[in-house]
Amino acid sequence: MYRPGDVKIRLLLVNNLTGSLNPSHFPDKLLPLWLDIKKNMSKHGPMTNYAGKAVGGAVANIMRKSRNSTGVKIAEKLYELHEKFQQEY
């Protein structure tokens, strides 16, 4: 499913590091970008079993279902957020 160095694996790690962040941690100017990143990383919702019970997180689910190119787009947005934060704050 994943190969070493795969962007989706890296995004799972990033999610572990950023999972505790919430909108109050971001300046108003950068908040829309953060919300877009979070939306794209969880748009399919959590993994569920046959009974509809959640058995895995939304981020893991999107990474499992998405193409590597989708992961690259998310990673690019994360880098853009990082760059803007570093330059302006």
Protein backbone atom coordinates (compact mmCIF):
# COMPACT_ATOMS: atom_id res chain seq x y z
CA MET A 1 0.00 0.00 0.00
CA TYR A 2 2.76 2.45 0.94
CA ARG A 3 6.35 2.62 -0.26
CA PRO A 4 9.30 3.95 1.76
CA GLY A 5 9.42 7.73 1.43
CA ASP A 6 5.82 7.87 0.20
CA VAL A 7 4.31 11.32 0.79
CA LYS A 8 1.26 9.72 2.38
CA ILE A 9 3.40 8.16 5.12
CA ARG A 10 4.98 11.55 5.77
CA LEU A 11 1.57 13.19 5.99
CA LEU A 12 0.47 10.63 8.56
CA LEU A 13 3.50 11.61 10.63
CA VAL A 14 2.73 15.30 10.17
CA ASN A 15 -0.80 14.65 11.33
CA ASN A 16 0.53 13.07 14.51
CA LEU A 17 2.54 16.24 15.16
CA THR A 18 -0.21 18.71 14.27
CA GLY A 19 -3.25 16.84 15.56
CA SER A 20 -3.50 18.97 18.70
CA LEU A 21 -3.55 22.27 16.79
CA ASN A 22 -6.86 24.08 16.54
CA PRO A 23 -7.99 27.27 14.79
CA SER A 24 -7.07 29.44 17.78
CA HIS A 25 -3.39 28.60 17.16
CA PHE A 26 -3.41 30.43 13.80
CA PRO A 27 -3.52 34.10 12.90
CA ASP A 28 -6.67 35.13 11.00
CA LYS A 29 -4.68 35.59 7.81
CA LEU A 30 -3.44 31.96 7.80
CA LEU A 31 -6.52 30.29 9.21
CA PRO A 32 -8.25 29.65 5.84
CA LEU A 33 -5.18 27.78 4.57
CA TRP A 34 -5.02 25.65 7.74
CA LEU A 35 -8.74 24.83 7.54
CA ASP A 36 -8.36 23.85 3.89
CA ILE A 37 -5.48 21.52 4.76
CA LYS A 38 -7.46 19.90 7.58
CA LYS A 39 -10.51 19.50 5.31
CA ASN A 40 -8.44 17.82 2.62
CA MET A 41 -6.80 15.50 5.13
CA SER A 42 -10.10 14.24 6.50
CA LYS A 43 -12.65 14.57 3.70
CA HIS A 44 -13.64 10.88 3.61
CA GLY A 45 -14.26 10.60 7.34
CA PRO A 46 -13.02 7.74 9.53
CA MET A 47 -12.58 4.18 8.33
CA THR A 48 -15.57 2.06 9.28
CA ASN A 49 -16.28 -1.65 9.49
CA TYR A 50 -19.25 -3.47 7.97
CA ALA A 51 -21.49 -2.28 10.84
CA GLY A 52 -20.53 1.36 10.35
CA LYS A 53 -18.39 1.51 13.50
CA ALA A 54 -15.28 3.68 13.23
CA VAL A 55 -12.16 1.50 13.16
CA GLY A 56 -9.59 4.04 11.97
CA GLY A 57 -9.02 7.74 11.70
CA ALA A 58 -10.10 10.05 8.91
CA VAL A 59 -6.53 10.98 7.98
CA ALA A 60 -5.45 7.36 7.67
CA ASN A 61 -8.55 6.75 5.56
CA ILE A 62 -7.85 9.57 3.10
CA MET A 63 -4.23 8.48 2.82
CA ARG A 64 -5.34 4.92 2.09
CA LYS A 65 -7.84 6.01 -0.57
CA SER A 66 -5.95 8.86 -2.21
CA ARG A 67 -3.36 8.93 -4.92
CA ASN A 68 0.16 10.06 -4.20
CA SER A 69 -0.55 13.22 -6.23
CA THR A 70 -3.28 14.17 -3.75
CA GLY A 71 -0.79 13.75 -0.92
CA VAL A 72 1.67 15.96 -2.78
CA LYS A 73 -0.94 18.73 -3.08
CA ILE A 74 -1.64 18.56 0.65
CA ALA A 75 2.09 18.59 1.42
CA GLU A 76 2.56 21.63 -0.81
CA LYS A 77 -0.16 23.48 1.11
CA LEU A 78 1.50 22.53 4.40
CA TYR A 79 4.80 23.88 3.12
CA GLU A 80 3.08 27.08 1.97
CA LEU A 81 1.58 27.49 5.45
CA HIS A 82 4.98 26.93 7.02
CA GLU A 83 6.65 29.46 4.73
CA LYS A 84 4.02 32.13 5.33
CA PHE A 85 4.16 31.59 9.05
CA GLN A 86 7.95 31.89 9.07
CA GLN A 87 7.97 35.02 6.92
CA GLU A 88 5.18 36.92 8.62
CA TYR A 89 5.29 35.86 12.27
